[in-house]
Amino acid sequence: MIVSDKDPHLAGLIYFIDRAKEIAVFTNTVFDSIAEIAAGNLKKAILYVENSLARAICPAISFLANMTGIGGIVAKIKDVINKYV
């Protein structure tokens, strides 16, 4: 059996491999915010959490799109627009 990149499990694995650096940065930011909370620096911790969540929105949407088989939808929409404009 040939493994297809349309397989949702494989798509998820490929997504995480492609985004490993972003995931590592997000994870480090979470740990940094925990350290700031432990040190009593709540304002700094709040900024870490806010920035982490803001950066996580696009990758989360991208992951969900890939898992549902609509990954690359932006490129497809651009192609359609460019074709008719």
PDB file of N, CA and C in Angstrom:
ATOM      1  N   MET A   1       0.844  -1.181   0.000  1.00  0.00           N
ATOM      2  CA  MET A   1       0.000   0.000   0.000  1.00  0.00           C
ATOM      3  C   MET A   1       0.884   1.237   0.000  1.00  0.00           C
ATOM      4  N   ILE A   2       0.601   2.160  -0.879  1.00  0.00           N
ATOM      5  CA  ILE A   2       1.358   3.401  -0.965  1.00  0.00           C
ATOM      6  C   ILE A   2       0.741   4.403   0.002  1.00  0.00           C
ATOM      7  N   VAL A   3       1.604   5.054   0.771  1.00  0.00           N
ATOM      8  CA  VAL A   3       1.127   6.053   1.726  1.00  0.00           C
ATOM      9  C   VAL A   3       0.921   7.358   0.976  1.00  0.00           C
ATOM     10  N   SER A   4      -0.225   7.951   1.160  1.00  0.00           N
ATOM     11  CA  SER A   4      -0.565   9.195   0.481  1.00  0.00           C
ATOM     12  C   SER A   4      -0.460  10.364   1.440  1.00  0.00           C
ATOM     13  N   ASP A   5      -0.094  11.524   0.909  1.00  0.00           N
ATOM     14  CA  ASP A   5      -0.062  12.712   1.758  1.00  0.00           C
ATOM     15  C   ASP A   5      -1.471  13.211   2.065  1.00  0.00           C
ATOM     16  N   LYS A   6      -2.480  12.568   1.492  1.00  0.00           N
ATOM     17  CA  LYS A   6      -3.873  12.900   1.798  1.00  0.00           C
ATOM     18  C   LYS A   6      -4.355  12.186   3.060  1.00  0.00           C
ATOM     19  N   ASP A   7      -3.578  11.234   3.537  1.00  0.00           N
ATOM     20  CA  ASP A   7      -3.906  10.520   4.773  1.00  0.00           C
ATOM     21  C   ASP A   7      -3.830  11.512   5.926  1.00  0.00           C
ATOM     22  N   PRO A   8      -4.907  11.688   6.701  1.00  0.00           N
ATOM     23  CA  PRO A   8      -4.906  12.684   7.774  1.00  0.00           C
ATOM     24  C   PRO A   8      -3.812  12.466   8.814  1.00  0.00           C
ATOM     25  N   HIS A   9      -3.491  11.207   9.090  1.00  0.00           N
ATOM     26  CA  HIS A   9      -2.448  10.950  10.084  1.00  0.00           C
ATOM     27  C   HIS A   9      -1.097  11.411   9.567  1.00  0.00           C
ATOM     28  N   LEU A  10      -0.825  11.101   8.324  1.00  0.00           N
ATOM     29  CA  LEU A  10       0.432  11.521   7.719  1.00  0.00           C
ATOM     30  C   LEU A  10       0.471  13.038   7.573  1.00  0.00           C
ATOM     31  N   ALA A  11      -0.658  13.633   7.225  1.00  0.00           N
ATOM     32  CA  ALA A  11      -0.716  15.091   7.094  1.00  0.00           C
ATOM     33  C   ALA A  11      -0.384  15.758   8.423  1.00  0.00           C
ATOM     34  N   GLY A  12      -0.892  15.201   9.517  1.00  0.00           N
ATOM     35  CA  GLY A  12      -0.588  15.750  10.840  1.00  0.00           C
ATOM     36  C   GLY A  12       0.881  15.628  11.175  1.00  0.00           C
ATOM     37  N   LEU A  13       1.464  14.487  10.865  1.00  0.00           N
ATOM     38  CA  LEU A  13       2.887  14.273  11.128  1.00  0.00           C
ATOM     39  C   LEU A  13       3.737  15.224  10.294  1.00  0.00           C
ATOM     40  N   ILE A  14       3.410  15.350   9.020  1.00  0.00           N
ATOM     41  CA  ILE A  14       4.147  16.258   8.142  1.00  0.00           C
ATOM     42  C   ILE A  14       4.020  17.692   8.640  1.00  0.00           C
ATOM     43  N   TYR A  15       2.828  18.068   9.085  1.00  0.00           N
ATOM     44  CA  TYR A  15       2.616  19.413   9.609  1.00  0.00           C
ATOM     45  C   TYR A  15       3.552  19.680  10.784  1.00  0.00           C
ATOM     46  N   PHE A  16       3.601  18.746  11.734  1.00  0.00           N
ATOM     47  CA  PHE A  16       4.440  18.951  12.912  1.00  0.00           C
ATOM     48  C   PHE A  16       5.923  18.969  12.561  1.00  0.00           C
ATOM     49  N   ILE A  17       6.330  18.184  11.597  1.00  0.00           N
ATOM     50  CA  ILE A  17       7.732  18.201  11.168  1.00  0.00           C
ATOM     51  C   ILE A  17       8.057  19.539  10.508  1.00  0.00           C
ATOM     52  N   ASP A  18       7.165  20.005   9.638  1.00  0.00           N
ATOM     53  CA  ASP A  18       7.385  21.281   8.955  1.00  0.00           C
ATOM     54  C   ASP A  18       7.390  22.460   9.919  1.00  0.00           C
ATOM     55  N   ARG A  19       6.618  22.365  10.972  1.00  0.00           N
ATOM     56  CA  ARG A  19       6.477  23.474  11.923  1.00  0.00           C
ATOM     57  C   ARG A  19       7.263  23.258  13.214  1.00  0.00           C
ATOM     58  N   ALA A  20       8.228  22.372  13.202  1.00  0.00           N
ATOM     59  CA  ALA A  20       8.961  22.029  14.429  1.00  0.00           C
ATOM     60  C   ALA A  20       9.576  23.251  15.098  1.00  0.00           C
ATOM     61  N   LYS A  21      10.160  24.146  14.308  1.00  0.00           N
ATOM     62  CA  LYS A  21      10.790  25.335  14.887  1.00  0.00           C
ATOM     63  C   LYS A  21       9.753  26.231  15.560  1.00  0.00           C
ATOM     64  N   GLU A  22       8.621  26.456  14.890  1.00  0.00           N
ATOM     65  CA  GLU A  22       7.561  27.284  15.465  1.00  0.00           C
ATOM     66  C   GLU A  22       7.005  26.656  16.737  1.00  0.00           C
ATOM     67  N   ILE A  23       6.840  25.352  16.720  1.00  0.00           N
ATOM     68  CA  ILE A  23       6.327  24.649  17.899  1.00  0.00           C
ATOM     69  C   ILE A  23       7.319  24.765  19.045  1.00  0.00           C
ATOM     70  N   ALA A  24       8.612  24.669  18.744  1.00  0.00           N
ATOM     71  CA  ALA A  24       9.642  24.799  19.782  1.00  0.00           C
ATOM     72  C   ALA A  24       9.633  26.200  20.378  1.00  0.00           C
ATOM     73  N   VAL A  25       9.485  27.222  19.542  1.00  0.00           N
ATOM     74  CA  VAL A  25       9.426  28.600  20.042  1.00  0.00           C
ATOM     75  C   VAL A  25       8.209  28.778  20.935  1.00  0.00           C
ATOM     76  N   PHE A  26       7.060  28.254  20.498  1.00  0.00           N
ATOM     77  CA  PHE A  26       5.842  28.353  21.303  1.00  0.00           C
ATOM     78  C   PHE A  26       6.024  27.654  22.647  1.00  0.00           C
ATOM     79  N   THR A  27       6.591  26.457  22.620  1.00  0.00           N
ATOM     80  CA  THR A  27       6.818  25.692  23.850  1.00  0.00           C
ATOM     81  C   THR A  27       7.758  26.435  24.789  1.00  0.00           C
ATOM     82  N   ASN A  28       8.830  26.996  24.245  1.00  0.00           N
ATOM     83  CA  ASN A  28       9.765  27.761  25.074  1.00  0.00           C
ATOM     84  C   ASN A  28       9.095  28.981  25.691  1.00  0.00           C
ATOM     85  N   THR A  29       8.219  29.627  24.935  1.00  0.00           N
ATOM     86  CA  THR A  29       7.510  30.787  25.457  1.00  0.00           C
ATOM     87  C   THR A  29       6.583  30.386  26.598  1.00  0.00           C
ATOM     88  N   VAL A  30       5.933  29.247  26.464  1.00  0.00           N
ATOM     89  CA  VAL A  30       5.072  28.756  27.547  1.00  0.00           C
ATOM     90  C   VAL A  30       5.901  28.502  28.800  1.00  0.00           C
ATOM     91  N   PHE A  31       7.056  27.847  28.639  1.00  0.00           N
ATOM     92  CA  PHE A  31       7.921  27.586  29.794  1.00  0.00           C
ATOM     93  C   PHE A  31       8.463  28.884  30.390  1.00  0.00           C
ATOM     94  N   ASP A  32       8.781  29.862  29.531  1.00  0.00           N
ATOM     95  CA  ASP A  32       9.244  31.160  30.028  1.00  0.00           C
ATOM     96  C   ASP A  32       8.159  31.843  30.850  1.00  0.00           C
ATOM     97  N   SER A  33       6.912  31.748  30.393  1.00  0.00           N
ATOM     98  CA  SER A  33       5.821  32.378  31.138  1.00  0.00           C
ATOM     99  C   SER A  33       5.600  31.688  32.473  1.00  0.00           C
ATOM    100  N   ILE A  34       5.767  30.376  32.519  1.00  0.00           N
ATOM    101  CA  ILE A  34       5.654  29.649  33.789  1.00  0.00           C
ATOM    102  C   ILE A  34       6.751  30.103  34.740  1.00  0.00           C
ATOM    103  N   ALA A  35       7.960  30.289  34.207  1.00  0.00           N
ATOM    104  CA  ALA A  35       9.071  30.762  35.037  1.00  0.00           C
ATOM    105  C   ALA A  35       8.799  32.165  35.560  1.00  0.00           C
ATOM    106  N   GLU A  36       8.223  33.020  34.730  1.00  0.00           N
ATOM    107  CA  GLU A  36       7.897  34.385  35.165  1.00  0.00           C
ATOM    108  C   GLU A  36       6.815  34.372  36.238  1.00  0.00           C
ATOM    109  N   ILE A  37       5.830  33.507  36.093  1.00  0.00           N
ATOM    110  CA  ILE A  37       4.784  33.386  37.117  1.00  0.00           C
ATOM    111  C   ILE A  37       5.401  32.927  38.428  1.00  0.00           C
ATOM    112  N   ALA A  38       6.283  31.936  38.354  1.00  0.00           N
ATOM    113  CA  ALA A  38       6.945  31.429  39.560  1.00  0.00           C
ATOM    114  C   ALA A  38       7.793  32.507  40.218  1.00  0.00           C
ATOM    115  N   ALA A  39       8.362  33.407  39.408  1.00  0.00           N
ATOM    116  CA  ALA A  39       9.192  34.489  39.948  1.00  0.00           C
ATOM    117  C   ALA A  39       8.353  35.671  40.415  1.00  0.00           C
ATOM    118  N   GLY A  40       7.049  35.616  40.192  1.00  0.00           N
ATOM    119  CA  GLY A  40       6.164  36.685  40.636  1.00  0.00           C
ATOM    120  C   GLY A  40       6.028  37.825  39.645  1.00  0.00           C
ATOM    121  N   ASN A  41       6.536  37.665  38.440  1.00  0.00           N
ATOM    122  CA  ASN A  41       6.452  38.702  37.404  1.00  0.00           C
ATOM    123  C   ASN A  41       5.207  38.475  36.547  1.00  0.00           C
ATOM    124  N   LEU A  42       4.057  38.794  37.116  1.00  0.00           N
ATOM    125  CA  LEU A  42       2.801  38.490  36.424  1.00  0.00           C
ATOM    126  C   LEU A  42       2.609  39.296  35.146  1.00  0.00           C
ATOM    127  N   LYS A  43       3.011  40.570  35.152  1.00  0.00           N
ATOM    128  CA  LYS A  43       2.836  41.379  33.938  1.00  0.00           C
ATOM    129  C   LYS A  43       3.624  40.786  32.769  1.00  0.00           C
ATOM    130  N   LYS A  44       4.850  40.394  33.042  1.00  0.00           N
ATOM    131  CA  LYS A  44       5.678  39.802  31.993  1.00  0.00           C
ATOM    132  C   LYS A  44       5.094  38.457  31.549  1.00  0.00           C
ATOM    133  N   ALA A  45       4.592  37.679  32.501  1.00  0.00           N
ATOM    134  CA  ALA A  45       3.985  36.386  32.178  1.00  0.00           C
ATOM    135  C   ALA A  45       2.750  36.572  31.308  1.00  0.00           C
ATOM    136  N   ILE A  46       1.951  37.579  31.627  1.00  0.00           N
ATOM    137  CA  ILE A  46       0.749  37.852  30.837  1.00  0.00           C
ATOM    138  C   ILE A  46       1.124  38.209  29.403  1.00  0.00           C
ATOM    139  N   LEU A  47       2.168  39.009  29.233  1.00  0.00           N
ATOM    140  CA  LEU A  47       2.626  39.359  27.883  1.00  0.00           C
ATOM    141  C   LEU A  47       3.111  38.128  27.122  1.00  0.00           C
ATOM    142  N   TYR A  48       3.832  37.238  27.811  1.00  0.00           N
ATOM    143  CA  TYR A  48       4.280  35.994  27.178  1.00  0.00           C
ATOM    144  C   TYR A  48       3.083  35.178  26.692  1.00  0.00           C
ATOM    145  N   VAL A  49       2.085  35.040  27.548  1.00  0.00           N
ATOM    146  CA  VAL A  49       0.904  34.240  27.194  1.00  0.00           C
ATOM    147  C   VAL A  49       0.157  34.886  26.029  1.00  0.00           C
ATOM    148  N   GLU A  50      -0.038  36.195  26.105  1.00  0.00           N
ATOM    149  CA  GLU A  50      -0.754  36.899  25.043  1.00  0.00           C
ATOM    150  C   GLU A  50      -0.030  36.767  23.703  1.00  0.00           C
ATOM    151  N   ASN A  51       1.272  36.974  23.711  1.00  0.00           N
ATOM    152  CA  ASN A  51       2.048  36.857  22.469  1.00  0.00           C
ATOM    153  C   ASN A  51       2.048  35.426  21.943  1.00  0.00           C
ATOM    154  N   SER A  52       2.121  34.463  22.842  1.00  0.00           N
ATOM    155  CA  SER A  52       2.109  33.055  22.428  1.00  0.00           C
ATOM    156  C   SER A  52       0.789  32.689  21.765  1.00  0.00           C
ATOM    157  N   LEU A  53      -0.302  33.119  22.359  1.00  0.00           N
ATOM    158  CA  LEU A  53      -1.612  32.813  21.785  1.00  0.00           C
ATOM    159  C   LEU A  53      -1.803  33.499  20.438  1.00  0.00           C
ATOM    160  N   ALA A  54      -1.325  34.737  20.327  1.00  0.00           N
ATOM    161  CA  ALA A  54      -1.443  35.459  19.057  1.00  0.00           C
ATOM    162  C   ALA A  54      -0.660  34.749  17.956  1.00  0.00           C
ATOM    163  N   ARG A  55       0.529  34.253  18.291  1.00  0.00           N
ATOM    164  CA  ARG A  55       1.340  33.547  17.296  1.00  0.00           C
ATOM    165  C   ARG A  55       0.800  32.155  17.003  1.00  0.00           C
ATOM    166  N   ALA A  56       0.009  31.589  17.893  1.00  0.00           N
ATOM    167  CA  ALA A  56      -0.480  30.221  17.713  1.00  0.00           C
ATOM    168  C   ALA A  56      -1.735  30.143  16.847  1.00  0.00           C
ATOM    169  N   ILE A  57      -2.401  31.258  16.626  1.00  0.00           N
ATOM    170  CA  ILE A  57      -3.666  31.236  15.885  1.00  0.00           C
ATOM    171  C   ILE A  57      -3.481  30.738  14.453  1.00  0.00           C
ATOM    172  N   CYS A  58      -2.562  31.337  13.711  1.00  0.00           N
ATOM    173  CA  CYS A  58      -2.361  30.927  12.306  1.00  0.00           C
ATOM    174  C   CYS A  58      -1.911  29.477  12.180  1.00  0.00           C
ATOM    175  N   PRO A  59      -0.911  29.040  12.960  1.00  0.00           N
ATOM    176  CA  PRO A  59      -0.536  27.625  12.854  1.00  0.00           C
ATOM    177  C   PRO A  59      -1.669  26.675  13.233  1.00  0.00           C
ATOM    178  N   ALA A  60      -2.492  27.062  14.210  1.00  0.00           N
ATOM    179  CA  ALA A  60      -3.603  26.201  14.617  1.00  0.00           C
ATOM    180  C   ALA A  60      -4.627  26.073  13.493  1.00  0.00           C
ATOM    181  N   ILE A  61      -4.941  27.193  12.853  1.00  0.00           N
ATOM    182  CA  ILE A  61      -5.884  27.157  11.735  1.00  0.00           C
ATOM    183  C   ILE A  61      -5.301  26.347  10.584  1.00  0.00           C
ATOM    184  N   SER A  62      -4.015  26.538  10.322  1.00  0.00           N
ATOM    185  CA  SER A  62      -3.342  25.782   9.262  1.00  0.00           C
ATOM    186  C   SER A  62      -3.374  24.287   9.547  1.00  0.00           C
ATOM    187  N   PHE A  63      -3.125  23.911  10.794  1.00  0.00           N
ATOM    188  CA  PHE A  63      -3.158  22.500  11.184  1.00  0.00           C
ATOM    189  C   PHE A  63      -4.546  21.912  10.961  1.00  0.00           C
ATOM    190  N   LEU A  64      -5.571  22.618  11.411  1.00  0.00           N
ATOM    191  CA  LEU A  64      -6.939  22.129  11.237  1.00  0.00           C
ATOM    192  C   LEU A  64      -7.298  22.015   9.757  1.00  0.00           C
ATOM    193  N   ALA A  65      -6.849  22.969   8.955  1.00  0.00           N
ATOM    194  CA  ALA A  65      -7.114  22.914   7.516  1.00  0.00           C
ATOM    195  C   ALA A  65      -6.438  21.699   6.894  1.00  0.00           C
ATOM    196  N   ASN A  66      -5.201  21.436   7.286  1.00  0.00           N
ATOM    197  CA  ASN A  66      -4.495  20.266   6.753  1.00  0.00           C
ATOM    198  C   ASN A  66      -5.163  18.971   7.184  1.00  0.00           C
ATOM    199  N   MET A  67      -5.629  18.912   8.411  1.00  0.00           N
ATOM    200  CA  MET A  67      -6.254  17.691   8.915  1.00  0.00           C
ATOM    201  C   MET A  67      -7.602  17.418   8.254  1.00  0.00           C
ATOM    202  N   THR A  68      -8.273  18.472   7.803  1.00  0.00           N
ATOM    203  CA  THR A  68      -9.571  18.292   7.158  1.00  0.00           C
ATOM    204  C   THR A  68      -9.460  18.203   5.641  1.00  0.00           C
ATOM    205  N   GLY A  69      -8.224  18.253   5.147  1.00  0.00           N
ATOM    206  CA  GLY A  69      -8.016  18.101   3.713  1.00  0.00           C
ATOM    207  C   GLY A  69      -8.149  19.369   2.904  1.00  0.00           C
ATOM    208  N   ILE A  70      -8.210  20.521   3.561  1.00  0.00           N
ATOM    209  CA  ILE A  70      -8.310  21.773   2.817  1.00  0.00           C
ATOM    210  C   ILE A  70      -7.043  22.612   2.965  1.00  0.00           C
ATOM    211  N   GLY A  71      -5.930  21.953   3.266  1.00  0.00           N
ATOM    212  CA  GLY A  71      -4.653  22.655   3.349  1.00  0.00           C
ATOM    213  C   GLY A  71      -4.303  23.252   2.003  1.00  0.00           C
ATOM    214  N   GLY A  72      -3.657  24.395   2.013  1.00  0.00           N
ATOM    215  CA  GLY A  72      -3.290  25.060   0.770  1.00  0.00           C
ATOM    216  C   GLY A  72      -4.445  25.795   0.125  1.00  0.00           C
ATOM    217  N   ILE A  73      -5.503  26.002   0.874  1.00  0.00           N
ATOM    218  CA  ILE A  73      -6.695  26.644   0.320  1.00  0.00           C
ATOM    219  C   ILE A  73      -6.407  28.081  -0.107  1.00  0.00           C
ATOM    220  N   VAL A  74      -5.522  28.765   0.616  1.00  0.00           N
ATOM    221  CA  VAL A  74      -5.193  30.149   0.279  1.00  0.00           C
ATOM    222  C   VAL A  74      -4.561  30.214  -1.107  1.00  0.00           C
ATOM    223  N   ALA A  75      -3.629  29.313  -1.381  1.00  0.00           N
ATOM    224  CA  ALA A  75      -2.986  29.287  -2.701  1.00  0.00           C
ATOM    225  C   ALA A  75      -4.012  29.006  -3.798  1.00  0.00           C
ATOM    226  N   LYS A  76      -4.953  28.120  -3.519  1.00  0.00           N
ATOM    227  CA  LYS A  76      -5.979  27.795  -4.511  1.00  0.00           C
ATOM    228  C   LYS A  76      -6.879  28.997  -4.778  1.00  0.00           C
ATOM    229  N   ILE A  77      -7.243  29.718  -3.726  1.00  0.00           N
ATOM    230  CA  ILE A  77      -8.086  30.911  -3.882  1.00  0.00           C
ATOM    231  C   ILE A  77      -7.341  31.971  -4.682  1.00  0.00           C
ATOM    232  N   LYS A  78      -6.053  32.170  -4.370  1.00  0.00           N
ATOM    233  CA  LYS A  78      -5.250  33.140  -5.122  1.00  0.00           C
ATOM    234  C   LYS A  78      -5.188  32.766  -6.597  1.00  0.00           C
ATOM    235  N   ASP A  79      -5.032  31.484  -6.888  1.00  0.00           N
ATOM    236  CA  ASP A  79      -4.987  31.030  -8.279  1.00  0.00           C
ATOM    237  C   ASP A  79      -6.283  31.363  -9.010  1.00  0.00           C
ATOM    238  N   VAL A  80      -7.409  31.129  -8.355  1.00  0.00           N
ATOM    239  CA  VAL A  80      -8.708  31.419  -8.968  1.00  0.00           C
ATOM    240  C   VAL A  80      -8.852  32.917  -9.206  1.00  0.00           C
ATOM    241  N   ILE A  81      -8.478  33.718  -8.218  1.00  0.00           N
ATOM    242  CA  ILE A  81      -8.587  35.175  -8.359  1.00  0.00           C
ATOM    243  C   ILE A  81      -7.691  35.661  -9.491  1.00  0.00           C
ATOM    244  N   ASN A  82      -6.442  35.186  -9.514  1.00  0.00           N
ATOM    245  CA  ASN A  82      -5.512  35.613 -10.564  1.00  0.00           C
ATOM    246  C   ASN A  82      -5.964  35.173 -11.952  1.00  0.00           C
ATOM    247  N   LYS A  83      -6.659  34.061 -12.016  1.00  0.00           N
ATOM    248  CA  LYS A  83      -7.132  33.549 -13.300  1.00  0.00           C
ATOM    249  C   LYS A  83      -8.199  34.462 -13.900  1.00  0.00           C
ATOM    250  N   TYR A  84      -9.040  35.038 -13.051  1.00  0.00           N
ATOM    251  CA  TYR A  84     -10.165  35.831 -13.539  1.00  0.00           C
ATOM    252  C   TYR A  84      -9.979  37.331 -13.386  1.00  0.00           C
ATOM    253  N   VAL A  85      -8.876  37.762 -12.841  1.00  0.00           N
ATOM    254  CA  VAL A  85      -8.660  39.214 -12.662  1.00  0.00           C
ATOM    255  C   VAL A  85      -7.648  39.716 -13.652  1.00  0.00           C
TER     256      VAL A  85
END
